[in-house]
Amino acid sequence: LLLGLEFSPTVMLLMMLALIFVLGWPLEWVPIVLVVVPIF
């Protein structure tokens, strides 16, 4: 789904980091590293 958006690798990387940055506000690193990162 995300690859179908046809953004450049840099934009895609920024989007993923932005989501991780936002998730880091309410969540600890554990669920992000163990659940979110494997999805990416």
Full PDB file with SEQRES, HELIX, SHEET, SSBOND, CRYST1, ORIGX, SCALE, CONECT and MASTER records, all heavy atoms in Angstrom:
SEQRES   1 A   40  LEU LEU LEU GLY LEU GLU PHE SER PRO THR VAL MET LEU          
SEQRES   2 A   40  LEU MET MET LEU ALA LEU ILE PHE VAL LEU GLY TRP PRO          
SEQRES   3 A   40  LEU GLU TRP VAL PRO ILE VAL LEU VAL VAL VAL PRO ILE          
SEQRES   4 A   40  PHE                                                          
HELIX    1 AA1 LEU A    3  LEU A    5  5                                   3    
HELIX    2 AA2 PRO A    9  LEU A   23  1                                  15    
HELIX    3 AA3 TRP A   29  PRO A   31  1                                   3    
HELIX    4 AA4 ILE A   32  VAL A   36  3                                   5    
HELIX    5 AA5 VAL A   37  ILE A   39  1                                   3    
CRYST1    1.000    1.000    1.000  90.00  90.00  90.00 P 1           1          
ORIGX1      1.000000  0.000000  0.000000        0.00000                         
ORIGX2      0.000000  1.000000  0.000000        0.00000                         
ORIGX3      0.000000  0.000000  1.000000        0.00000                         
SCALE1      1.000000  0.000000  0.000000        0.00000                         
SCALE2      0.000000  1.000000  0.000000        0.00000                         
SCALE3      0.000000  0.000000  1.000000        0.00000                         
ATOM      1  N   LEU A   1       0.829  -1.204   0.000  1.00  0.00           N  
ATOM      2  CA  LEU A   1       0.000   0.000   0.000  1.00  0.00           C  
ATOM      3  C   LEU A   1       0.867   1.259   0.000  1.00  0.00           C  
ATOM      4  O   LEU A   1       0.636   2.196  -0.786  1.00  0.00           O  
ATOM      5  CB  LEU A   1      -0.926  -0.004   1.216  1.00  0.00           C  
ATOM      6  CG  LEU A   1      -1.820   1.236   1.396  1.00  0.00           C  
ATOM      7  CD1 LEU A   1      -2.819   1.337   0.262  1.00  0.00           C  
ATOM      8  CD2 LEU A   1      -2.538   1.189   2.745  1.00  0.00           C  
ATOM      9  N   LEU A   2       1.877   1.279   0.855  1.00  0.00           N  
ATOM     10  CA  LEU A   2       2.741   2.454   0.942  1.00  0.00           C  
ATOM     11  C   LEU A   2       3.619   2.593  -0.296  1.00  0.00           C  
ATOM     12  O   LEU A   2       3.840   3.699  -0.796  1.00  0.00           O  
ATOM     13  CB  LEU A   2       3.611   2.373   2.198  1.00  0.00           C  
ATOM     14  CG  LEU A   2       2.857   2.483   3.533  1.00  0.00           C  
ATOM     15  CD1 LEU A   2       3.811   2.312   4.701  1.00  0.00           C  
ATOM     16  CD2 LEU A   2       2.152   3.840   3.638  1.00  0.00           C  
ATOM     17  N   LEU A   3       4.122   1.461  -0.798  1.00  0.00           N  
ATOM     18  CA  LEU A   3       4.956   1.517  -1.996  1.00  0.00           C  
ATOM     19  C   LEU A   3       4.152   1.959  -3.209  1.00  0.00           C  
ATOM     20  O   LEU A   3       4.689   2.554  -4.145  1.00  0.00           O  
ATOM     21  CB  LEU A   3       5.599   0.151  -2.249  1.00  0.00           C  
ATOM     22  CG  LEU A   3       6.687  -0.270  -1.252  1.00  0.00           C  
ATOM     23  CD1 LEU A   3       7.075  -1.723  -1.472  1.00  0.00           C  
ATOM     24  CD2 LEU A   3       7.915   0.636  -1.374  1.00  0.00           C  
ATOM     25  N   GLY A   4       2.851   1.691  -3.195  1.00  0.00           N  
ATOM     26  CA  GLY A   4       1.991   2.119  -4.294  1.00  0.00           C  
ATOM     27  C   GLY A   4       1.817   3.624  -4.366  1.00  0.00           C  
ATOM     28  O   GLY A   4       1.353   4.154  -5.394  1.00  0.00           O  
ATOM     29  N   LEU A   5       2.185   4.334  -3.290  1.00  0.00           N  
ATOM     30  CA  LEU A   5       2.097   5.803  -3.310  1.00  0.00           C  
ATOM     31  C   LEU A   5       3.162   6.418  -4.203  1.00  0.00           C  
ATOM     32  O   LEU A   5       3.070   7.599  -4.566  1.00  0.00           O  
ATOM     33  CB  LEU A   5       2.237   6.347  -1.878  1.00  0.00           C  
ATOM     34  CG  LEU A   5       1.165   5.878  -0.882  1.00  0.00           C  
ATOM     35  CD1 LEU A   5       1.476   6.413   0.514  1.00  0.00           C  
ATOM     36  CD2 LEU A   5      -0.221   6.353  -1.331  1.00  0.00           C  
ATOM     37  N   GLU A   6       4.203   5.655  -4.505  1.00  0.00           N  
ATOM     38  CA  GLU A   6       5.269   6.061  -5.434  1.00  0.00           C  
ATOM     39  C   GLU A   6       6.004   7.314  -4.983  1.00  0.00           C  
ATOM     40  O   GLU A   6       6.357   8.180  -5.781  1.00  0.00           O  
ATOM     41  CB  GLU A   6       4.694   6.255  -6.846  1.00  0.00           C  
ATOM     42  CG  GLU A   6       4.134   4.962  -7.439  1.00  0.00           C  
ATOM     43  CD  GLU A   6       3.656   5.144  -8.867  1.00  0.00           C  
ATOM     44  OE1 GLU A   6       3.645   6.295  -9.341  1.00  0.00           O  
ATOM     45  OE2 GLU A   6       3.291   4.138  -9.496  1.00  0.00           O  
ATOM     46  N   PHE A   7       6.220   7.434  -3.683  1.00  0.00           N  
ATOM     47  CA  PHE A   7       7.067   8.509  -3.178  1.00  0.00           C  
ATOM     48  C   PHE A   7       8.529   8.103  -3.325  1.00  0.00           C  
ATOM     49  O   PHE A   7       8.853   6.925  -3.454  1.00  0.00           O  
ATOM     50  CB  PHE A   7       6.760   8.801  -1.710  1.00  0.00           C  
ATOM     51  CG  PHE A   7       5.421   9.446  -1.485  1.00  0.00           C  
ATOM     52  CD1 PHE A   7       4.564   8.976  -0.503  1.00  0.00           C  
ATOM     53  CD2 PHE A   7       5.007  10.529  -2.252  1.00  0.00           C  
ATOM     54  CE1 PHE A   7       3.330   9.563  -0.281  1.00  0.00           C  
ATOM     55  CE2 PHE A   7       3.775  11.124  -2.050  1.00  0.00           C  
ATOM     56  CZ  PHE A   7       2.931  10.648  -1.065  1.00  0.00           C  
ATOM     57  N   SER A   8       9.407   9.080  -3.268  1.00  0.00           N  
ATOM     58  CA  SER A   8      10.841   8.790  -3.333  1.00  0.00           C  
ATOM     59  C   SER A   8      11.267   8.093  -2.037  1.00  0.00           C  
ATOM     60  O   SER A   8      10.601   8.225  -0.999  1.00  0.00           O  
ATOM     61  CB  SER A   8      11.638  10.084  -3.510  1.00  0.00           C  
ATOM     62  OG  SER A   8      11.547  10.888  -2.341  1.00  0.00           O  
ATOM     63  N   PRO A   9      12.394   7.349  -2.068  1.00  0.00           N  
ATOM     64  CA  PRO A   9      12.857   6.682  -0.841  1.00  0.00           C  
ATOM     65  C   PRO A   9      13.066   7.646   0.323  1.00  0.00           C  
ATOM     66  O   PRO A   9      12.772   7.302   1.473  1.00  0.00           O  
ATOM     67  CB  PRO A   9      14.184   6.036  -1.284  1.00  0.00           C  
ATOM     68  CG  PRO A   9      14.008   5.795  -2.748  1.00  0.00           C  
ATOM     69  CD  PRO A   9      13.194   6.962  -3.243  1.00  0.00           C  
ATOM     70  N   THR A  10      13.548   8.864   0.023  1.00  0.00           N  
ATOM     71  CA  THR A  10      13.779   9.833   1.099  1.00  0.00           C  
ATOM     72  C   THR A  10      12.476  10.247   1.768  1.00  0.00           C  
ATOM     73  O   THR A  10      12.378  10.314   2.995  1.00  0.00           O  
ATOM     74  CB  THR A  10      14.498  11.083   0.548  1.00  0.00           C  
ATOM     75  OG1 THR A  10      15.739  10.690  -0.047  1.00  0.00           O  
ATOM     76  CG2 THR A  10      14.767  12.076   1.665  1.00  0.00           C  
ATOM     77  N   VAL A  11      11.452  10.486   0.950  1.00  0.00           N  
ATOM     78  CA  VAL A  11      10.145  10.876   1.506  1.00  0.00           C  
ATOM     79  C   VAL A  11       9.550   9.726   2.303  1.00  0.00           C  
ATOM     80  O   VAL A  11       8.990   9.924   3.394  1.00  0.00           O  
ATOM     81  CB  VAL A  11       9.191  11.317   0.374  1.00  0.00           C  
ATOM     82  CG1 VAL A  11       7.789  11.563   0.926  1.00  0.00           C  
ATOM     83  CG2 VAL A  11       9.715  12.575  -0.306  1.00  0.00           C  
ATOM     84  N   MET A  12       9.671   8.509   1.786  1.00  0.00           N  
ATOM     85  CA  MET A  12       9.151   7.353   2.507  1.00  0.00           C  
ATOM     86  C   MET A  12       9.864   7.178   3.847  1.00  0.00           C  
ATOM     87  O   MET A  12       9.235   6.883   4.878  1.00  0.00           O  
ATOM     88  CB  MET A  12       9.315   6.085   1.667  1.00  0.00           C  
ATOM     89  CG  MET A  12       8.452   6.051   0.423  1.00  0.00           C  
ATOM     90  SD  MET A  12       6.691   5.898   0.792  1.00  0.00           S  
ATOM     91  CE  MET A  12       6.644   4.240   1.416  1.00  0.00           C  
ATOM     92  N   LEU A  13      11.181   7.373   3.840  1.00  0.00           N  
ATOM     93  CA  LEU A  13      11.950   7.262   5.076  1.00  0.00           C  
ATOM     94  C   LEU A  13      11.517   8.330   6.079  1.00  0.00           C  
ATOM     95  O   LEU A  13      11.341   8.045   7.276  1.00  0.00           O  
ATOM     96  CB  LEU A  13      13.443   7.386   4.771  1.00  0.00           C  
ATOM     97  CG  LEU A  13      14.405   7.286   5.958  1.00  0.00           C  
ATOM     98  CD1 LEU A  13      14.228   5.952   6.679  1.00  0.00           C  
ATOM     99  CD2 LEU A  13      15.847   7.446   5.488  1.00  0.00           C  
ATOM    100  N   LEU A  14      11.316   9.555   5.595  1.00  0.00           N  
ATOM    101  CA  LEU A  14      10.856  10.631   6.476  1.00  0.00           C  
ATOM    102  C   LEU A  14       9.481  10.316   7.058  1.00  0.00           C  
ATOM    103  O   LEU A  14       9.214  10.600   8.238  1.00  0.00           O  
ATOM    104  CB  LEU A  14      10.825  11.955   5.715  1.00  0.00           C  
ATOM    105  CG  LEU A  14      12.181  12.622   5.454  1.00  0.00           C  
ATOM    106  CD1 LEU A  14      12.018  13.793   4.500  1.00  0.00           C  
ATOM    107  CD2 LEU A  14      12.796  13.092   6.773  1.00  0.00           C  
ATOM    108  N   MET A  15       8.602   9.730   6.247  1.00  0.00           N  
ATOM    109  CA  MET A  15       7.269   9.371   6.741  1.00  0.00           C  
ATOM    110  C   MET A  15       7.359   8.315   7.846  1.00  0.00           C  
ATOM    111  O   MET A  15       6.673   8.410   8.878  1.00  0.00           O  
ATOM    112  CB  MET A  15       6.408   8.853   5.578  1.00  0.00           C  
ATOM    113  CG  MET A  15       5.986   9.917   4.585  1.00  0.00           C  
ATOM    114  SD  MET A  15       5.173   9.217   3.119  1.00  0.00           S  
ATOM    115  CE  MET A  15       3.799   8.322   3.863  1.00  0.00           C  
ATOM    116  N   MET A  16       8.206   7.311   7.647  1.00  0.00           N  
ATOM    117  CA  MET A  16       8.352   6.267   8.662  1.00  0.00           C  
ATOM    118  C   MET A  16       8.945   6.818   9.955  1.00  0.00           C  
ATOM    119  O   MET A  16       8.487   6.507  11.055  1.00  0.00           O  
ATOM    120  CB  MET A  16       9.221   5.126   8.112  1.00  0.00           C  
ATOM    121  CG  MET A  16       8.542   4.290   7.038  1.00  0.00           C  
ATOM    122  SD  MET A  16       9.517   2.864   6.499  1.00  0.00           S  
ATOM    123  CE  MET A  16      10.745   3.660   5.458  1.00  0.00           C  
ATOM    124  N   LEU A  17       9.977   7.662   9.812  1.00  0.00           N  
ATOM    125  CA  LEU A  17      10.595   8.254  10.999  1.00  0.00           C  
ATOM    126  C   LEU A  17       9.632   9.180  11.722  1.00  0.00           C  
ATOM    127  O   LEU A  17       9.615   9.237  12.960  1.00  0.00           O  
ATOM    128  CB  LEU A  17      11.872   9.011  10.613  1.00  0.00           C  
ATOM    129  CG  LEU A  17      13.038   8.157  10.112  1.00  0.00           C  
ATOM    130  CD1 LEU A  17      14.190   9.037   9.666  1.00  0.00           C  
ATOM    131  CD2 LEU A  17      13.504   7.194  11.194  1.00  0.00           C  
ATOM    132  N   ALA A  18       8.820   9.916  10.951  1.00  0.00           N  
ATOM    133  CA  ALA A  18       7.833  10.810  11.565  1.00  0.00           C  
ATOM    134  C   ALA A  18       6.821  10.014  12.383  1.00  0.00           C  
ATOM    135  O   ALA A  18       6.449  10.410  13.501  1.00  0.00           O  
ATOM    136  CB  ALA A  18       7.128  11.640  10.489  1.00  0.00           C  
ATOM    137  N   LEU A  19       6.395   8.867  11.842  1.00  0.00           N  
ATOM    138  CA  LEU A  19       5.440   8.032  12.571  1.00  0.00           C  
ATOM    139  C   LEU A  19       6.073   7.478  13.841  1.00  0.00           C  
ATOM    140  O   LEU A  19       5.444   7.481  14.918  1.00  0.00           O  
ATOM    141  CB  LEU A  19       4.961   6.889  11.675  1.00  0.00           C  
ATOM    142  CG  LEU A  19       3.967   5.916  12.315  1.00  0.00           C  
ATOM    143  CD1 LEU A  19       2.724   6.646  12.791  1.00  0.00           C  
ATOM    144  CD2 LEU A  19       3.598   4.803  11.342  1.00  0.00           C  
ATOM    145  N   ILE A  20       7.320   7.023  13.746  1.00  0.00           N  
ATOM    146  CA  ILE A  20       8.012   6.511  14.927  1.00  0.00           C  
ATOM    147  C   ILE A  20       8.213   7.617  15.953  1.00  0.00           C  
ATOM    148  O   ILE A  20       8.049   7.417  17.161  1.00  0.00           O  
ATOM    149  CB  ILE A  20       9.371   5.892  14.516  1.00  0.00           C  
ATOM    150  CG1 ILE A  20       9.136   4.601  13.726  1.00  0.00           C  
ATOM    151  CG2 ILE A  20      10.241   5.611  15.731  1.00  0.00           C  
ATOM    152  CD1 ILE A  20      10.373   4.024  13.101  1.00  0.00           C  
ATOM    153  N   PHE A  21       8.543   8.824  15.468  1.00  0.00           N  
ATOM    154  CA  PHE A  21       8.731   9.979  16.358  1.00  0.00           C  
ATOM    155  C   PHE A  21       7.446  10.274  17.124  1.00  0.00           C  
ATOM    156  O   PHE A  21       7.451  10.486  18.341  1.00  0.00           O  
ATOM    157  CB  PHE A  21       9.157  11.190  15.533  1.00  0.00           C  
ATOM    158  CG  PHE A  21       9.478  12.413  16.347  1.00  0.00           C  
ATOM    159  CD1 PHE A  21      10.753  12.623  16.846  1.00  0.00           C  
ATOM    160  CD2 PHE A  21       8.504  13.362  16.617  1.00  0.00           C  
ATOM    161  CE1 PHE A  21      11.049  13.748  17.596  1.00  0.00           C  
ATOM    162  CE2 PHE A  21       8.789  14.497  17.360  1.00  0.00           C  
ATOM    163  CZ  PHE A  21      10.067  14.685  17.851  1.00  0.00           C  
ATOM    164  N   VAL A  22       6.321  10.258  16.407  1.00  0.00           N  
ATOM    165  CA  VAL A  22       5.030  10.543  17.046  1.00  0.00           C  
ATOM    166  C   VAL A  22       4.644   9.424  18.013  1.00  0.00           C  
ATOM    167  O   VAL A  22       4.169   9.674  19.129  1.00  0.00           O  
ATOM    168  CB  VAL A  22       3.938  10.750  15.978  1.00  0.00           C  
ATOM    169  CG1 VAL A  22       2.561  10.848  16.629  1.00  0.00           C  
ATOM    170  CG2 VAL A  22       4.226  11.999  15.168  1.00  0.00           C  
ATOM    171  N   LEU A  23       4.859   8.165  17.603  1.00  0.00           N  
ATOM    172  CA  LEU A  23       4.535   7.047  18.478  1.00  0.00           C  
ATOM    173  C   LEU A  23       5.400   7.049  19.737  1.00  0.00           C  
ATOM    174  O   LEU A  23       4.995   6.530  20.785  1.00  0.00           O  
ATOM    175  CB  LEU A  23       4.712   5.715  17.736  1.00  0.00           C  
ATOM    176  CG  LEU A  23       3.669   5.382  16.666  1.00  0.00           C  
ATOM    177  CD1 LEU A  23       4.052   4.110  15.925  1.00  0.00           C  
ATOM    178  CD2 LEU A  23       2.285   5.234  17.294  1.00  0.00           C  
ATOM    179  N   GLY A  24       6.598   7.628  19.624  1.00  0.00           N  
ATOM    180  CA  GLY A  24       7.485   7.704  20.779  1.00  0.00           C  
ATOM    181  C   GLY A  24       6.960   8.595  21.886  1.00  0.00           C  
ATOM    182  O   GLY A  24       7.443   8.521  23.016  1.00  0.00           O  
ATOM    183  N   TRP A  25       5.994   9.452  21.572  1.00  0.00           N  
ATOM    184  CA  TRP A  25       5.432  10.329  22.608  1.00  0.00           C  
ATOM    185  C   TRP A  25       4.572   9.550  23.601  1.00  0.00           C  
ATOM    186  O   TRP A  25       4.787   9.662  24.807  1.00  0.00           O  
ATOM    187  CB  TRP A  25       4.643  11.473  21.956  1.00  0.00           C  
ATOM    188  CG  TRP A  25       5.522  12.509  21.336  1.00  0.00           C  
ATOM    189  CD1 TRP A  25       6.521  12.296  20.433  1.00  0.00           C  
ATOM    190  CD2 TRP A  25       5.499  13.918  21.573  1.00  0.00           C  
ATOM    191  NE1 TRP A  25       7.120  13.482  20.084  1.00  0.00           N  
ATOM    192  CE2 TRP A  25       6.512  14.499  20.774  1.00  0.00           C  
ATOM    193  CE3 TRP A  25       4.718  14.755  22.372  1.00  0.00           C  
ATOM    194  CZ2 TRP A  25       6.765  15.866  20.751  1.00  0.00           C  
ATOM    195  CZ3 TRP A  25       4.966  16.123  22.350  1.00  0.00           C  
ATOM    196  CH2 TRP A  25       5.983  16.672  21.553  1.00  0.00           C  
ATOM    197  N   PRO A  26       3.594   8.752  23.132  1.00  0.00           N  
ATOM    198  CA  PRO A  26       2.773   8.030  24.114  1.00  0.00           C  
ATOM    199  C   PRO A  26       3.304   6.646  24.476  1.00  0.00           C  
ATOM    200  O   PRO A  26       2.880   6.067  25.474  1.00  0.00           O  
ATOM    201  CB  PRO A  26       1.423   7.904  23.398  1.00  0.00           C  
ATOM    202  CG  PRO A  26       1.784   7.814  21.955  1.00  0.00           C  
ATOM    203  CD  PRO A  26       3.013   8.650  21.769  1.00  0.00           C  
ATOM    204  N   LEU A  27       4.231   6.071  23.655  1.00  0.00           N  
ATOM    205  CA  LEU A  27       4.669   4.689  23.878  1.00  0.00           C  
ATOM    206  C   LEU A  27       6.141   4.634  24.252  1.00  0.00           C  
ATOM    207  O   LEU A  27       6.927   5.526  23.910  1.00  0.00           O  
ATOM    208  CB  LEU A  27       4.447   3.856  22.612  1.00  0.00           C  
ATOM    209  CG  LEU A  27       3.007   3.690  22.115  1.00  0.00           C  
ATOM    210  CD1 LEU A  27       3.007   2.925  20.799  1.00  0.00           C  
ATOM    211  CD2 LEU A  27       2.150   3.000  23.144  1.00  0.00           C  
ATOM    212  N   GLU A  28       6.531   3.577  24.941  1.00  0.00           N  
ATOM    213  CA  GLU A  28       7.937   3.295  25.184  1.00  0.00           C  
ATOM    214  C   GLU A  28       8.550   2.681  23.916  1.00  0.00           C  
ATOM    215  O   GLU A  28       7.856   2.365  22.951  1.00  0.00           O  
ATOM    216  CB  GLU A  28       8.087   2.327  26.351  1.00  0.00           C  
ATOM    217  CG  GLU A  28       7.637   2.887  27.696  1.00  0.00           C  
ATOM    218  CD  GLU A  28       7.893   1.903  28.816  1.00  0.00           C  
ATOM    219  OE1 GLU A  28       9.033   1.400  28.917  1.00  0.00           O  
ATOM    220  OE2 GLU A  28       6.955   1.615  29.576  1.00  0.00           O  
ATOM    221  N   TRP A  29       9.883   2.482  23.984  1.00  0.00           N  
ATOM    222  CA  TRP A  29      10.564   1.949  22.804  1.00  0.00           C  
ATOM    223  C   TRP A  29      10.212   0.485  22.546  1.00  0.00           C  
ATOM    224  O   TRP A  29      10.284   0.017  21.410  1.00  0.00           O  
ATOM    225  CB  TRP A  29      12.082   2.092  22.957  1.00  0.00           C  
ATOM    226  CG  TRP A  29      12.718   1.297  24.064  1.00  0.00           C  
ATOM    227  CD1 TRP A  29      12.990   1.718  25.333  1.00  0.00           C  
ATOM    228  CD2 TRP A  29      13.169  -0.070  24.010  1.00  0.00           C  
ATOM    229  NE1 TRP A  29      13.578   0.719  26.062  1.00  0.00           N  
ATOM    230  CE2 TRP A  29      13.703  -0.383  25.279  1.00  0.00           C  
ATOM    231  CE3 TRP A  29      13.173  -1.048  23.018  1.00  0.00           C  
ATOM    232  CZ2 TRP A  29      14.236  -1.630  25.579  1.00  0.00           C  
ATOM    233  CZ3 TRP A  29      13.696  -2.295  23.312  1.00  0.00           C  
ATOM    234  CH2 TRP A  29      14.232  -2.578  24.578  1.00  0.00           C  
ATOM    235  N   VAL A  30       9.816  -0.245  23.588  1.00  0.00           N  
ATOM    236  CA  VAL A  30       9.629  -1.689  23.444  1.00  0.00           C  
ATOM    237  C   VAL A  30       8.593  -2.048  22.373  1.00  0.00           C  
ATOM    238  O   VAL A  30       8.903  -2.794  21.428  1.00  0.00           O  
ATOM    239  CB  VAL A  30       9.261  -2.322  24.803  1.00  0.00           C  
ATOM    240  CG1 VAL A  30       8.973  -3.802  24.627  1.00  0.00           C  
ATOM    241  CG2 VAL A  30      10.388  -2.120  25.803  1.00  0.00           C  
ATOM    242  N   PRO A  31       7.343  -1.553  22.455  1.00  0.00           N  
ATOM    243  CA  PRO A  31       6.385  -1.943  21.412  1.00  0.00           C  
ATOM    244  C   PRO A  31       6.736  -1.402  20.036  1.00  0.00           C  
ATOM    245  O   PRO A  31       6.386  -2.017  19.017  1.00  0.00           O  
ATOM    246  CB  PRO A  31       5.050  -1.356  21.916  1.00  0.00           C  
ATOM    247  CG  PRO A  31       5.435  -0.267  22.842  1.00  0.00           C  
ATOM    248  CD  PRO A  31       6.708  -0.699  23.478  1.00  0.00           C  
ATOM    249  N   ILE A  32       7.438  -0.278  19.980  1.00  0.00           N  
ATOM    250  CA  ILE A  32       7.801   0.293  18.677  1.00  0.00           C  
ATOM    251  C   ILE A  32       8.850  -0.573  17.994  1.00  0.00           C  
ATOM    252  O   ILE A  32       8.729  -0.929  16.818  1.00  0.00           O  
ATOM    253  CB  ILE A  32       8.304   1.738  18.849  1.00  0.00           C  
ATOM    254  CG1 ILE A  32       7.189   2.613  19.418  1.00  0.00           C  
ATOM    255  CG2 ILE A  32       8.777   2.307  17.505  1.00  0.00           C  
ATOM    256  CD1 ILE A  32       7.620   4.016  19.753  1.00  0.00           C  
ATOM    257  N   VAL A  33       9.897  -0.950  18.741  1.00  0.00           N  
ATOM    258  CA  VAL A  33      10.961  -1.776  18.164  1.00  0.00           C  
ATOM    259  C   VAL A  33      10.452  -3.166  17.812  1.00  0.00           C  
ATOM    260  O   VAL A  33      10.801  -3.727  16.771  1.00  0.00           O  
ATOM    261  CB  VAL A  33      12.151  -1.860  19.142  1.00  0.00           C  
ATOM    262  CG1 VAL A  33      13.130  -2.951  18.714  1.00  0.00           C  
ATOM    263  CG2 VAL A  33      12.877  -0.527  19.222  1.00  0.00           C  
ATOM    264  N   LEU A  34       9.614  -3.721  18.670  1.00  0.00           N  
ATOM    265  CA  LEU A  34       9.225  -5.111  18.515  1.00  0.00           C  
ATOM    266  C   LEU A  34       7.990  -5.319  17.649  1.00  0.00           C  
ATOM    267  O   LEU A  34       7.757  -6.429  17.171  1.00  0.00           O  
ATOM    268  CB  LEU A  34       8.986  -5.730  19.895  1.00  0.00           C  
ATOM    269  CG  LEU A  34      10.206  -5.747  20.833  1.00  0.00           C  
ATOM    270  CD1 LEU A  34       9.839  -6.309  22.181  1.00  0.00           C  
ATOM    271  CD2 LEU A  34      11.363  -6.515  20.224  1.00  0.00           C  
ATOM    272  N   VAL A  35       7.186  -4.267  17.445  1.00  0.00           N  
ATOM    273  CA  VAL A  35       5.959  -4.419  16.657  1.00  0.00           C  
ATOM    274  C   VAL A  35       5.979  -3.535  15.414  1.00  0.00           C  
ATOM    275  O   VAL A  35       5.718  -3.999  14.297  1.00  0.00           O  
ATOM    276  CB  VAL A  35       4.712  -4.099  17.517  1.00  0.00           C  
ATOM    277  CG1 VAL A  35       3.453  -4.209  16.671  1.00  0.00           C  
ATOM    278  CG2 VAL A  35       4.628  -5.031  18.719  1.00  0.00           C  
ATOM    279  N   VAL A  36       6.282  -2.245  15.580  1.00  0.00           N  
ATOM    280  CA  VAL A  36       6.187  -1.296  14.463  1.00  0.00           C  
ATOM    281  C   VAL A  36       7.342  -1.460  13.472  1.00  0.00           C  
ATOM    282  O   VAL A  36       7.126  -1.500  12.260  1.00  0.00           O  
ATOM    283  CB  VAL A  36       6.130   0.150  14.990  1.00  0.00           C  
ATOM    284  CG1 VAL A  36       6.086   1.144  13.832  1.00  0.00           C  
ATOM    285  CG2 VAL A  36       4.917   0.343  15.893  1.00  0.00           C  
ATOM    286  N   VAL A  37       8.567  -1.554  13.981  1.00  0.00           N  
ATOM    287  CA  VAL A  37       9.737  -1.652  13.092  1.00  0.00           C  
ATOM    288  C   VAL A  37       9.647  -2.868  12.165  1.00  0.00           C  
ATOM    289  O   VAL A  37       9.924  -2.749  10.958  1.00  0.00           O  
ATOM    290  CB  VAL A  37      11.040  -1.665  13.914  1.00  0.00           C  
ATOM    291  CG1 VAL A  37      12.239  -2.023  13.027  1.00  0.00           C  
ATOM    292  CG2 VAL A  37      11.274  -0.303  14.565  1.00  0.00           C  
ATOM    293  N   PRO A  38       9.260  -4.069  12.656  1.00  0.00           N  
ATOM    294  CA  PRO A  38       9.118  -5.195  11.715  1.00  0.00           C  
ATOM    295  C   PRO A  38       8.105  -4.950  10.610  1.00  0.00           C  
ATOM    296  O   PRO A  38       8.254  -5.493   9.504  1.00  0.00           O  
ATOM    297  CB  PRO A  38       8.677  -6.351  12.628  1.00  0.00           C  
ATOM    298  CG  PRO A  38       9.211  -5.998  13.969  1.00  0.00           C  
ATOM    299  CD  PRO A  38       9.105  -4.512  14.061  1.00  0.00           C  
ATOM    300  N   ILE A  39       7.068  -4.140  10.873  1.00  0.00           N  
ATOM    301  CA  ILE A  39       6.098  -3.817   9.823  1.00  0.00           C  
ATOM    302  C   ILE A  39       6.752  -3.001   8.722  1.00  0.00           C  
ATOM    303  O   ILE A  39       6.429  -3.155   7.527  1.00  0.00           O  
ATOM    304  CB  ILE A  39       4.899  -3.051  10.435  1.00  0.00           C  
ATOM    305  CG1 ILE A  39       4.137  -3.958  11.407  1.00  0.00           C  
ATOM    306  CG2 ILE A  39       3.962  -2.543   9.350  1.00  0.00           C  
ATOM    307  CD1 ILE A  39       3.029  -3.251  12.158  1.00  0.00           C  
ATOM    308  N   PHE A  40       7.701  -2.139   9.103  1.00  0.00           N  
ATOM    309  CA  PHE A  40       8.379  -1.290   8.115  1.00  0.00           C  
ATOM    310  C   PHE A  40       9.482  -2.019   7.349  1.00  0.00           C  
ATOM    311  O   PHE A  40       9.941  -1.534   6.308  1.00  0.00           O  
ATOM    312  CB  PHE A  40       8.995  -0.064   8.806  1.00  0.00           C  
ATOM    313  CG  PHE A  40       7.988   0.955   9.250  1.00  0.00           C  
ATOM    314  CD1 PHE A  40       8.263   1.810  10.309  1.00  0.00           C  
ATOM    315  CD2 PHE A  40       6.764   1.079   8.606  1.00  0.00           C  
ATOM    316  CE1 PHE A  40       7.336   2.757  10.720  1.00  0.00           C  
ATOM    317  CE2 PHE A  40       5.836   2.027   9.006  1.00  0.00           C  
ATOM    318  CZ  PHE A  40       6.121   2.857  10.063  1.00  0.00           C  
TER     319      PHE A  40                                                      
MASTER        0    0    0    5    0    0    0    6  318    1    0    4          
END                                                                             
